[in-house]
Amino acid sequence: MTIDDEGMLWIAHFGGAKVSRWNPDTGEKVEEIPVPALNVTCCVFGGVNMNELFITTARKDMSEEDLQRYPHAGGLFKVTMNVSGCESYRFNGTFK
């Protein structure tokens, strides 16, 4: 999952071939991006303007039928968005 600069939550759907954007205040699904891979594992914003959504997928333990249907499984995808992501912070190993 990741958050954009409008406070919306982006969720990768493992087994769902998509990434979706949700409004955490209302619980409403705002947007959905189909991904040409079944097992979507992660999504994160990046790029110079933080408006590129990078999407990772998995290929392991897929049936031959699913691999034929989703030949791009295991790939990395990039989608240029009309919204930017929030900066991520590295965990420093301590709790306050």
PDB file of N, CA and C in Angstrom:
ATOM      1  N   MET A   1       0.842  -1.186   0.000  1.00  0.00           N
ATOM      2  CA  MET A   1       0.000   0.000   0.000  1.00  0.00           C
ATOM      3  C   MET A   1       0.881   1.241   0.000  1.00  0.00           C
ATOM      4  N   THR A   2       0.299   2.321  -0.487  1.00  0.00           N
ATOM      5  CA  THR A   2       0.971   3.618  -0.452  1.00  0.00           C
ATOM      6  C   THR A   2      -0.100   4.705  -0.364  1.00  0.00           C
ATOM      7  N   ILE A   3       0.343   5.910  -0.085  1.00  0.00           N
ATOM      8  CA  ILE A   3      -0.557   7.052   0.085  1.00  0.00           C
ATOM      9  C   ILE A   3      -0.165   8.134  -0.925  1.00  0.00           C
ATOM     10  N   ASP A   4      -1.170   8.803  -1.499  1.00  0.00           N
ATOM     11  CA  ASP A   4      -0.852   9.917  -2.396  1.00  0.00           C
ATOM     12  C   ASP A   4      -0.984  11.245  -1.645  1.00  0.00           C
ATOM     13  N   ASP A   5      -0.633  12.338  -2.317  1.00  0.00           N
ATOM     14  CA  ASP A   5      -0.626  13.646  -1.656  1.00  0.00           C
ATOM     15  C   ASP A   5      -2.023  14.198  -1.383  1.00  0.00           C
ATOM     16  N   GLU A   6      -3.055  13.495  -1.832  1.00  0.00           N
ATOM     17  CA  GLU A   6      -4.433  13.869  -1.505  1.00  0.00           C
ATOM     18  C   GLU A   6      -4.957  13.033  -0.339  1.00  0.00           C
ATOM     19  N   GLY A   7      -4.092  12.182   0.232  1.00  0.00           N
ATOM     20  CA  GLY A   7      -4.473  11.357   1.372  1.00  0.00           C
ATOM     21  C   GLY A   7      -5.208  10.082   1.000  1.00  0.00           C
ATOM     22  N   MET A   8      -5.207   9.722  -0.282  1.00  0.00           N
ATOM     23  CA  MET A   8      -5.880   8.504  -0.724  1.00  0.00           C
ATOM     24  C   MET A   8      -4.938   7.306  -0.597  1.00  0.00           C
ATOM     25  N   LEU A   9      -5.519   6.167  -0.293  1.00  0.00           N
ATOM     26  CA  LEU A   9      -4.782   4.926  -0.088  1.00  0.00           C
ATOM     27  C   LEU A   9      -4.793   4.103  -1.366  1.00  0.00           C
ATOM     28  N   TRP A  10      -3.616   3.651  -1.798  1.00  0.00           N
ATOM     29  CA  TRP A  10      -3.465   2.805  -2.981  1.00  0.00           C
ATOM     30  C   TRP A  10      -3.155   1.388  -2.509  1.00  0.00           C
ATOM     31  N   ILE A  11      -3.888   0.412  -3.018  1.00  0.00           N
ATOM     32  CA  ILE A  11      -3.751  -0.972  -2.570  1.00  0.00           C
ATOM     33  C   ILE A  11      -3.449  -1.881  -3.762  1.00  0.00           C
ATOM     34  N   ALA A  12      -2.407  -2.700  -3.617  1.00  0.00           N
ATOM     35  CA  ALA A  12      -2.073  -3.732  -4.607  1.00  0.00           C
ATOM     36  C   ALA A  12      -2.903  -4.970  -4.278  1.00  0.00           C
ATOM     37  N   HIS A  13      -3.523  -5.561  -5.299  1.00  0.00           N
ATOM     38  CA  HIS A  13      -4.404  -6.719  -5.089  1.00  0.00           C
ATOM     39  C   HIS A  13      -3.727  -8.003  -5.551  1.00  0.00           C
ATOM     40  N   PHE A  14      -3.167  -8.759  -4.617  1.00  0.00           N
ATOM     41  CA  PHE A  14      -2.558 -10.055  -4.934  1.00  0.00           C
ATOM     42  C   PHE A  14      -3.678 -11.002  -5.346  1.00  0.00           C
ATOM     43  N   GLY A  15      -3.555 -11.574  -6.527  1.00  0.00           N
ATOM     44  CA  GLY A  15      -4.607 -12.438  -7.056  1.00  0.00           C
ATOM     45  C   GLY A  15      -5.730 -11.671  -7.731  1.00  0.00           C
ATOM     46  N   GLY A  16      -5.605 -10.355  -7.801  1.00  0.00           N
ATOM     47  CA  GLY A  16      -6.677  -9.530  -8.337  1.00  0.00           C
ATOM     48  C   GLY A  16      -6.341  -8.760  -9.597  1.00  0.00           C
ATOM     49  N   ALA A  17      -5.088  -8.787 -10.037  1.00  0.00           N
ATOM     50  CA  ALA A  17      -4.661  -8.145 -11.283  1.00  0.00           C
ATOM     51  C   ALA A  17      -5.018  -6.666 -11.352  1.00  0.00           C
ATOM     52  N   LYS A  18      -4.847  -5.961 -10.210  1.00  0.00           N
ATOM     53  CA  LYS A  18      -5.169  -4.534 -10.216  1.00  0.00           C
ATOM     54  C   LYS A  18      -4.549  -3.828  -9.018  1.00  0.00           C
ATOM     55  N   VAL A  19      -4.564  -2.505  -9.123  1.00  0.00           N
ATOM     56  CA  VAL A  19      -4.266  -1.601  -8.015  1.00  0.00           C
ATOM     57  C   VAL A  19      -5.485  -0.707  -7.894  1.00  0.00           C
ATOM     58  N   SER A  20      -5.922  -0.459  -6.676  1.00  0.00           N
ATOM     59  CA  SER A  20      -7.083   0.408  -6.498  1.00  0.00           C
ATOM     60  C   SER A  20      -6.759   1.555  -5.553  1.00  0.00           C
ATOM     61  N   ARG A  21      -7.479   2.644  -5.737  1.00  0.00           N
ATOM     62  CA  ARG A  21      -7.309   3.859  -4.927  1.00  0.00           C
ATOM     63  C   ARG A  21      -8.576   4.055  -4.098  1.00  0.00           C
ATOM     64  N   TRP A  22      -8.400   4.274  -2.784  1.00  0.00           N
ATOM     65  CA  TRP A  22      -9.520   4.365  -1.855  1.00  0.00           C
ATOM     66  C   TRP A  22      -9.460   5.652  -1.051  1.00  0.00           C
ATOM     67  N   ASN A  23     -10.632   6.191  -0.767  1.00  0.00           N
ATOM     68  CA  ASN A  23     -10.743   7.321   0.141  1.00  0.00           C
ATOM     69  C   ASN A  23     -10.885   6.744   1.550  1.00  0.00           C
ATOM     70  N   PRO A  24      -9.880   6.931   2.430  1.00  0.00           N
ATOM     71  CA  PRO A  24      -9.954   6.326   3.761  1.00  0.00           C
ATOM     72  C   PRO A  24     -11.006   6.966   4.665  1.00  0.00           C
ATOM     73  N   ASP A  25     -11.450   8.168   4.340  1.00  0.00           N
ATOM     74  CA  ASP A  25     -12.473   8.826   5.161  1.00  0.00           C
ATOM     75  C   ASP A  25     -13.872   8.283   4.886  1.00  0.00           C
ATOM     76  N   THR A  26     -14.146   7.952   3.614  1.00  0.00           N
ATOM     77  CA  THR A  26     -15.493   7.504   3.252  1.00  0.00           C
ATOM     78  C   THR A  26     -15.570   6.001   2.967  1.00  0.00           C
ATOM     79  N   GLY A  27     -14.409   5.364   2.753  1.00  0.00           N
ATOM     80  CA  GLY A  27     -14.397   3.949   2.383  1.00  0.00           C
ATOM     81  C   GLY A  27     -14.745   3.714   0.923  1.00  0.00           C
ATOM     82  N   GLU A  28     -14.832   4.783   0.142  1.00  0.00           N
ATOM     83  CA  GLU A  28     -15.196   4.688  -1.276  1.00  0.00           C
ATOM     84  C   GLU A  28     -13.988   4.362  -2.147  1.00  0.00           C
ATOM     85  N   LYS A  29     -14.180   3.413  -3.086  1.00  0.00           N
ATOM     86  CA  LYS A  29     -13.156   3.155  -4.096  1.00  0.00           C
ATOM     87  C   LYS A  29     -13.249   4.267  -5.125  1.00  0.00           C
ATOM     88  N   VAL A  30     -12.119   4.950  -5.355  1.00  0.00           N
ATOM     89  CA  VAL A  30     -12.090   6.123  -6.217  1.00  0.00           C
ATOM     90  C   VAL A  30     -11.601   5.784  -7.624  1.00  0.00           C
ATOM     91  N   GLU A  31     -10.687   4.839  -7.720  1.00  0.00           N
ATOM     92  CA  GLU A  31     -10.056   4.531  -8.997  1.00  0.00           C
ATOM     93  C   GLU A  31      -9.542   3.101  -8.978  1.00  0.00           C
ATOM     94  N   GLU A  32      -9.399   2.540 -10.171  1.00  0.00           N
ATOM     95  CA  GLU A  32      -8.859   1.187 -10.302  1.00  0.00           C
ATOM     96  C   GLU A  32      -7.981   1.134 -11.542  1.00  0.00           C
ATOM     97  N   ILE A  33      -6.797   0.552 -11.398  1.00  0.00           N
ATOM     98  CA  ILE A  33      -5.872   0.408 -12.518  1.00  0.00           C
ATOM     99  C   ILE A  33      -5.663  -1.081 -12.772  1.00  0.00           C
ATOM    100  N   PRO A  34      -6.092  -1.585 -13.932  1.00  0.00           N
ATOM    101  CA  PRO A  34      -5.833  -2.991 -14.246  1.00  0.00           C
ATOM    102  C   PRO A  34      -4.341  -3.206 -14.500  1.00  0.00           C
ATOM    103  N   VAL A  35      -3.841  -4.350 -14.071  1.00  0.00           N
ATOM    104  CA  VAL A  35      -2.436  -4.701 -14.255  1.00  0.00           C
ATOM    105  C   VAL A  35      -2.402  -6.014 -15.032  1.00  0.00           C
ATOM    106  N   PRO A  36      -1.560  -6.122 -16.070  1.00  0.00           N
ATOM    107  CA  PRO A  36      -1.526  -7.357 -16.873  1.00  0.00           C
ATOM    108  C   PRO A  36      -0.730  -8.474 -16.212  1.00  0.00           C
ATOM    109  N   ALA A  37      -0.911  -8.615 -14.907  1.00  0.00           N
ATOM    110  CA  ALA A  37      -0.302  -9.690 -14.133  1.00  0.00           C
ATOM    111  C   ALA A  37      -1.251 -10.000 -12.985  1.00  0.00           C
ATOM    112  N   LEU A  38      -1.448 -11.265 -12.676  1.00  0.00           N
ATOM    113  CA  LEU A  38      -2.436 -11.673 -11.680  1.00  0.00           C
ATOM    114  C   LEU A  38      -2.055 -11.247 -10.265  1.00  0.00           C
ATOM    115  N   ASN A  39      -0.822 -11.538  -9.862  1.00  0.00           N
ATOM    116  CA  ASN A  39      -0.414 -11.336  -8.473  1.00  0.00           C
ATOM    117  C   ASN A  39       0.344 -10.021  -8.301  1.00  0.00           C
ATOM    118  N   VAL A  40      -0.406  -8.980  -8.012  1.00  0.00           N
ATOM    119  CA  VAL A  40       0.168  -7.655  -7.797  1.00  0.00           C
ATOM    120  C   VAL A  40       0.639  -7.604  -6.342  1.00  0.00           C
ATOM    121  N   THR A  41       1.919  -7.275  -6.151  1.00  0.00           N
ATOM    122  CA  THR A  41       2.505  -7.380  -4.814  1.00  0.00           C
ATOM    123  C   THR A  41       2.692  -6.053  -4.099  1.00  0.00           C
ATOM    124  N   CYS A  42       2.987  -4.993  -4.824  1.00  0.00           N
ATOM    125  CA  CYS A  42       3.285  -3.721  -4.168  1.00  0.00           C
ATOM    126  C   CYS A  42       3.109  -2.572  -5.157  1.00  0.00           C
ATOM    127  N   CYS A  43       2.828  -1.395  -4.604  1.00  0.00           N
ATOM    128  CA  CYS A  43       2.791  -0.188  -5.422  1.00  0.00           C
ATOM    129  C   CYS A  43       3.410   0.945  -4.611  1.00  0.00           C
ATOM    130  N   VAL A  44       4.151   1.802  -5.300  1.00  0.00           N
ATOM    131  CA  VAL A  44       4.810   2.921  -4.637  1.00  0.00           C
ATOM    132  C   VAL A  44       5.015   4.041  -5.658  1.00  0.00           C
ATOM    133  N   PHE A  45       4.909   5.272  -5.185  1.00  0.00           N
ATOM    134  CA  PHE A  45       5.141   6.419  -6.057  1.00  0.00           C
ATOM    135  C   PHE A  45       6.626   6.735  -6.111  1.00  0.00           C
ATOM    136  N   GLY A  46       7.063   7.201  -7.274  1.00  0.00           N
ATOM    137  CA  GLY A  46       8.457   7.588  -7.461  1.00  0.00           C
ATOM    138  C   GLY A  46       8.582   8.504  -8.656  1.00  0.00           C
ATOM    139  N   GLY A  47       9.805   8.636  -9.129  1.00  0.00           N
ATOM    140  CA  GLY A  47      10.082   9.525 -10.248  1.00  0.00           C
ATOM    141  C   GLY A  47      10.396  10.923  -9.758  1.00  0.00           C
ATOM    142  N   VAL A  48      10.871  11.751 -10.655  1.00  0.00           N
ATOM    143  CA  VAL A  48      11.288  13.117 -10.321  1.00  0.00           C
ATOM    144  C   VAL A  48      10.150  13.903  -9.682  1.00  0.00           C
ATOM    145  N   ASN A  49       8.946  13.771 -10.212  1.00  0.00           N
ATOM    146  CA  ASN A  49       7.788  14.511  -9.702  1.00  0.00           C
ATOM    147  C   ASN A  49       6.903  13.675  -8.782  1.00  0.00           C
ATOM    148  N   MET A  50       7.372  12.490  -8.411  1.00  0.00           N
ATOM    149  CA  MET A  50       6.615  11.569  -7.544  1.00  0.00           C
ATOM    150  C   MET A  50       5.222  11.256  -8.112  1.00  0.00           C
ATOM    151  N   ASN A  51       5.085  11.313  -9.447  1.00  0.00           N
ATOM    152  CA  ASN A  51       3.785  11.045 -10.067  1.00  0.00           C
ATOM    153  C   ASN A  51       3.798   9.769 -10.905  1.00  0.00           C
ATOM    154  N   GLU A  52       4.811   8.953 -10.711  1.00  0.00           N
ATOM    155  CA  GLU A  52       4.878   7.663 -11.400  1.00  0.00           C
ATOM    156  C   GLU A  52       4.602   6.565 -10.387  1.00  0.00           C
ATOM    157  N   LEU A  53       3.602   5.750 -10.662  1.00  0.00           N
ATOM    158  CA  LEU A  53       3.254   4.651  -9.772  1.00  0.00           C
ATOM    159  C   LEU A  53       3.962   3.401 -10.275  1.00  0.00           C
ATOM    160  N   PHE A  54       4.880   2.879  -9.458  1.00  0.00           N
ATOM    161  CA  PHE A  54       5.600   1.652  -9.785  1.00  0.00           C
ATOM    162  C   PHE A  54       4.864   0.491  -9.145  1.00  0.00           C
ATOM    163  N   ILE A  55       4.634  -0.549  -9.937  1.00  0.00           N
ATOM    164  CA  ILE A  55       3.829  -1.692  -9.505  1.00  0.00           C
ATOM    165  C   ILE A  55       4.646  -2.962  -9.709  1.00  0.00           C
ATOM    166  N   THR A  56       4.838  -3.725  -8.632  1.00  0.00           N
ATOM    167  CA  THR A  56       5.553  -4.996  -8.734  1.00  0.00           C
ATOM    168  C   THR A  56       4.555  -6.145  -8.730  1.00  0.00           C
ATOM    169  N   THR A  57       4.948  -7.247  -9.373  1.00  0.00           N
ATOM    170  CA  THR A  57       4.086  -8.425  -9.453  1.00  0.00           C
ATOM    171  C   THR A  57       4.909  -9.687  -9.210  1.00  0.00           C
ATOM    172  N   ALA A  58       4.220 -10.785  -8.912  1.00  0.00           N
ATOM    173  CA  ALA A  58       4.885 -12.060  -8.639  1.00  0.00           C
ATOM    174  C   ALA A  58       4.489 -13.098  -9.680  1.00  0.00           C
ATOM    175  N   ARG A  59       5.375 -14.060  -9.862  1.00  0.00           N
ATOM    176  CA  ARG A  59       5.171 -15.127 -10.835  1.00  0.00           C
ATOM    177  C   ARG A  59       5.160 -16.507 -10.179  1.00  0.00           C
ATOM    178  N   LYS A  60       5.744 -16.622  -9.002  1.00  0.00           N
ATOM    179  CA  LYS A  60       5.941 -17.901  -8.323  1.00  0.00           C
ATOM    180  C   LYS A  60       4.623 -18.631  -8.046  1.00  0.00           C
ATOM    181  N   ASP A  61       4.665 -19.935  -8.215  1.00  0.00           N
ATOM    182  CA  ASP A  61       3.544 -20.837  -7.900  1.00  0.00           C
ATOM    183  C   ASP A  61       2.286 -20.588  -8.729  1.00  0.00           C
ATOM    184  N   MET A  62       2.435 -20.012  -9.909  1.00  0.00           N
ATOM    185  CA  MET A  62       1.286 -19.824 -10.792  1.00  0.00           C
ATOM    186  C   MET A  62       1.118 -21.049 -11.671  1.00  0.00           C
ATOM    187  N   SER A  63      -0.123 -21.379 -11.994  1.00  0.00           N
ATOM    188  CA  SER A  63      -0.400 -22.514 -12.873  1.00  0.00           C
ATOM    189  C   SER A  63       0.019 -22.170 -14.301  1.00  0.00           C
ATOM    190  N   GLU A  64       0.206 -23.186 -15.113  1.00  0.00           N
ATOM    191  CA  GLU A  64       0.543 -22.962 -16.531  1.00  0.00           C
ATOM    192  C   GLU A  64      -0.563 -22.171 -17.220  1.00  0.00           C
ATOM    193  N   GLU A  65      -1.805 -22.452 -16.854  1.00  0.00           N
ATOM    194  CA  GLU A  65      -2.940 -21.729 -17.431  1.00  0.00           C
ATOM    195  C   GLU A  65      -2.871 -20.237 -17.090  1.00  0.00           C
ATOM    196  N   ASP A  66      -2.587 -19.925 -15.821  1.00  0.00           N
ATOM    197  CA  ASP A  66      -2.477 -18.525 -15.420  1.00  0.00           C
ATOM    198  C   ASP A  66      -1.277 -17.844 -16.078  1.00  0.00           C
ATOM    199  N   LEU A  67      -0.170 -18.583 -16.226  1.00  0.00           N
ATOM    200  CA  LEU A  67       1.008 -18.003 -16.881  1.00  0.00           C
ATOM    201  C   LEU A  67       0.736 -17.689 -18.344  1.00  0.00           C
ATOM    202  N   GLN A  68      -0.073 -18.507 -18.991  1.00  0.00           N
ATOM    203  CA  GLN A  68      -0.433 -18.214 -20.381  1.00  0.00           C
ATOM    204  C   GLN A  68      -1.372 -17.013 -20.455  1.00  0.00           C
ATOM    205  N   ARG A  69      -2.261 -16.894 -19.483  1.00  0.00           N
ATOM    206  CA  ARG A  69      -3.204 -15.775 -19.455  1.00  0.00           C
ATOM    207  C   ARG A  69      -2.511 -14.465 -19.061  1.00  0.00           C
ATOM    208  N   TYR A  70      -1.488 -14.572 -18.186  1.00  0.00           N
ATOM    209  CA  TYR A  70      -0.755 -13.404 -17.694  1.00  0.00           C
ATOM    210  C   TYR A  70       0.739 -13.573 -17.978  1.00  0.00           C
ATOM    211  N   PRO A  71       1.155 -13.450 -19.238  1.00  0.00           N
ATOM    212  CA  PRO A  71       2.564 -13.680 -19.580  1.00  0.00           C
ATOM    213  C   PRO A  71       3.518 -12.632 -18.991  1.00  0.00           C
ATOM    214  N   HIS A  72       2.988 -11.510 -18.520  1.00  0.00           N
ATOM    215  CA  HIS A  72       3.836 -10.466 -17.932  1.00  0.00           C
ATOM    216  C   HIS A  72       3.976 -10.610 -16.421  1.00  0.00           C
ATOM    217  N   ALA A  73       3.459 -11.714 -15.870  1.00  0.00           N
ATOM    218  CA  ALA A  73       3.565 -11.956 -14.431  1.00  0.00           C
ATOM    219  C   ALA A  73       5.027 -11.922 -14.008  1.00  0.00           C
ATOM    220  N   GLY A  74       5.292 -11.299 -12.875  1.00  0.00           N
ATOM    221  CA  GLY A  74       6.653 -11.141 -12.391  1.00  0.00           C
ATOM    222  C   GLY A  74       7.302  -9.861 -12.855  1.00  0.00           C
ATOM    223  N   GLY A  75       6.597  -9.100 -13.669  1.00  0.00           N
ATOM    224  CA  GLY A  75       7.147  -7.869 -14.222  1.00  0.00           C
ATOM    225  C   GLY A  75       6.971  -6.669 -13.304  1.00  0.00           C
ATOM    226  N   LEU A  76       7.685  -5.620 -13.641  1.00  0.00           N
ATOM    227  CA  LEU A  76       7.579  -4.332 -12.977  1.00  0.00           C
ATOM    228  C   LEU A  76       6.891  -3.381 -13.957  1.00  0.00           C
ATOM    229  N   PHE A  77       5.894  -2.659 -13.481  1.00  0.00           N
ATOM    230  CA  PHE A  77       5.121  -1.759 -14.327  1.00  0.00           C
ATOM    231  C   PHE A  77       5.201  -0.342 -13.781  1.00  0.00           C
ATOM    232  N   LYS A  78       5.075   0.635 -14.691  1.00  0.00           N
ATOM    233  CA  LYS A  78       5.097   2.049 -14.308  1.00  0.00           C
ATOM    234  C   LYS A  78       3.941   2.745 -15.004  1.00  0.00           C
ATOM    235  N   VAL A  79       3.178   3.495 -14.218  1.00  0.00           N
ATOM    236  CA  VAL A  79       2.048   4.252 -14.746  1.00  0.00           C
ATOM    237  C   VAL A  79       2.221   5.705 -14.324  1.00  0.00           C
ATOM    238  N   THR A  80       2.191   6.632 -15.282  1.00  0.00           N
ATOM    239  CA  THR A  80       2.247   8.050 -14.956  1.00  0.00           C
ATOM    240  C   THR A  80       0.858   8.495 -14.531  1.00  0.00           C
ATOM    241  N   MET A  81       0.787   9.105 -13.357  1.00  0.00           N
ATOM    242  CA  MET A  81      -0.494   9.441 -12.747  1.00  0.00           C
ATOM    243  C   MET A  81      -0.743  10.952 -12.780  1.00  0.00           C
ATOM    244  N   ASN A  82      -1.993  11.335 -12.538  1.00  0.00           N
ATOM    245  CA  ASN A  82      -2.370  12.743 -12.415  1.00  0.00           C
ATOM    246  C   ASN A  82      -2.315  13.199 -10.959  1.00  0.00           C
ATOM    247  N   VAL A  83      -1.787  12.363 -10.102  1.00  0.00           N
ATOM    248  CA  VAL A  83      -1.649  12.657  -8.677  1.00  0.00           C
ATOM    249  C   VAL A  83      -0.237  12.246  -8.273  1.00  0.00           C
ATOM    250  N   SER A  84       0.294  12.884  -7.248  1.00  0.00           N
ATOM    251  CA  SER A  84       1.641  12.569  -6.778  1.00  0.00           C
ATOM    252  C   SER A  84       1.579  11.801  -5.466  1.00  0.00           C
ATOM    253  N   GLY A  85       2.626  11.080  -5.203  1.00  0.00           N
ATOM    254  CA  GLY A  85       2.720  10.341  -3.958  1.00  0.00           C
ATOM    255  C   GLY A  85       3.410  11.148  -2.879  1.00  0.00           C
ATOM    256  N   CYS A  86       3.284  10.663  -1.668  1.00  0.00           N
ATOM    257  CA  CYS A  86       3.959  11.276  -0.525  1.00  0.00           C
ATOM    258  C   CYS A  86       5.361  10.705  -0.402  1.00  0.00           C
ATOM    259  N   GLU A  87       6.253  11.496   0.145  1.00  0.00           N
ATOM    260  CA  GLU A  87       7.608  11.038   0.374  1.00  0.00           C
ATOM    261  C   GLU A  87       7.610   9.917   1.421  1.00  0.00           C
ATOM    262  N   SER A  88       8.431   8.910   1.195  1.00  0.00           N
ATOM    263  CA  SER A  88       8.586   7.818   2.151  1.00  0.00           C
ATOM    264  C   SER A  88       9.760   8.126   3.064  1.00  0.00           C
ATOM    265  N   TYR A  89       9.680   7.623   4.271  1.00  0.00           N
ATOM    266  CA  TYR A  89      10.748   7.829   5.238  1.00  0.00           C
ATOM    267  C   TYR A  89      11.317   6.478   5.670  1.00  0.00           C
ATOM    268  N   ARG A  90      12.625   6.423   5.783  1.00  0.00           N
ATOM    269  CA  ARG A  90      13.318   5.194   6.194  1.00  0.00           C
ATOM    270  C   ARG A  90      13.181   5.044   7.705  1.00  0.00           C
ATOM    271  N   PHE A  91      12.862   3.835   8.162  1.00  0.00           N
ATOM    272  CA  PHE A  91      12.781   3.528   9.588  1.00  0.00           C
ATOM    273  C   PHE A  91      14.186   3.524  10.162  1.00  0.00           C
ATOM    274  N   ASN A  92      14.394   4.238  11.264  1.00  0.00           N
ATOM    275  CA  ASN A  92      15.740   4.343  11.836  1.00  0.00           C
ATOM    276  C   ASN A  92      16.032   3.276  12.889  1.00  0.00           C
ATOM    277  N   GLY A  93      15.090   2.371  13.112  1.00  0.00           N
ATOM    278  CA  GLY A  93      15.324   1.261  14.039  1.00  0.00           C
ATOM    279  C   GLY A  93      14.961   1.542  15.479  1.00  0.00           C
ATOM    280  N   THR A  94      14.394   2.707  15.773  1.00  0.00           N
ATOM    281  CA  THR A  94      14.012   3.004  17.143  1.00  0.00           C
ATOM    282  C   THR A  94      12.544   3.427  17.200  1.00  0.00           C
ATOM    283  N   PHE A  95      11.954   3.197  18.335  1.00  0.00           N
ATOM    284  CA  PHE A  95      10.570   3.636  18.588  1.00  0.00           C
ATOM    285  C   PHE A  95      10.596   4.731  19.634  1.00  0.00           C
ATOM    286  N   LYS A  96       9.709   5.662  19.497  1.00  0.00           N
ATOM    287  CA  LYS A  96       9.616   6.742  20.509  1.00  0.00           C
ATOM    288  C   LYS A  96       8.378   6.574  21.333  1.00  0.00           C
TER     289      LYS A  96
END
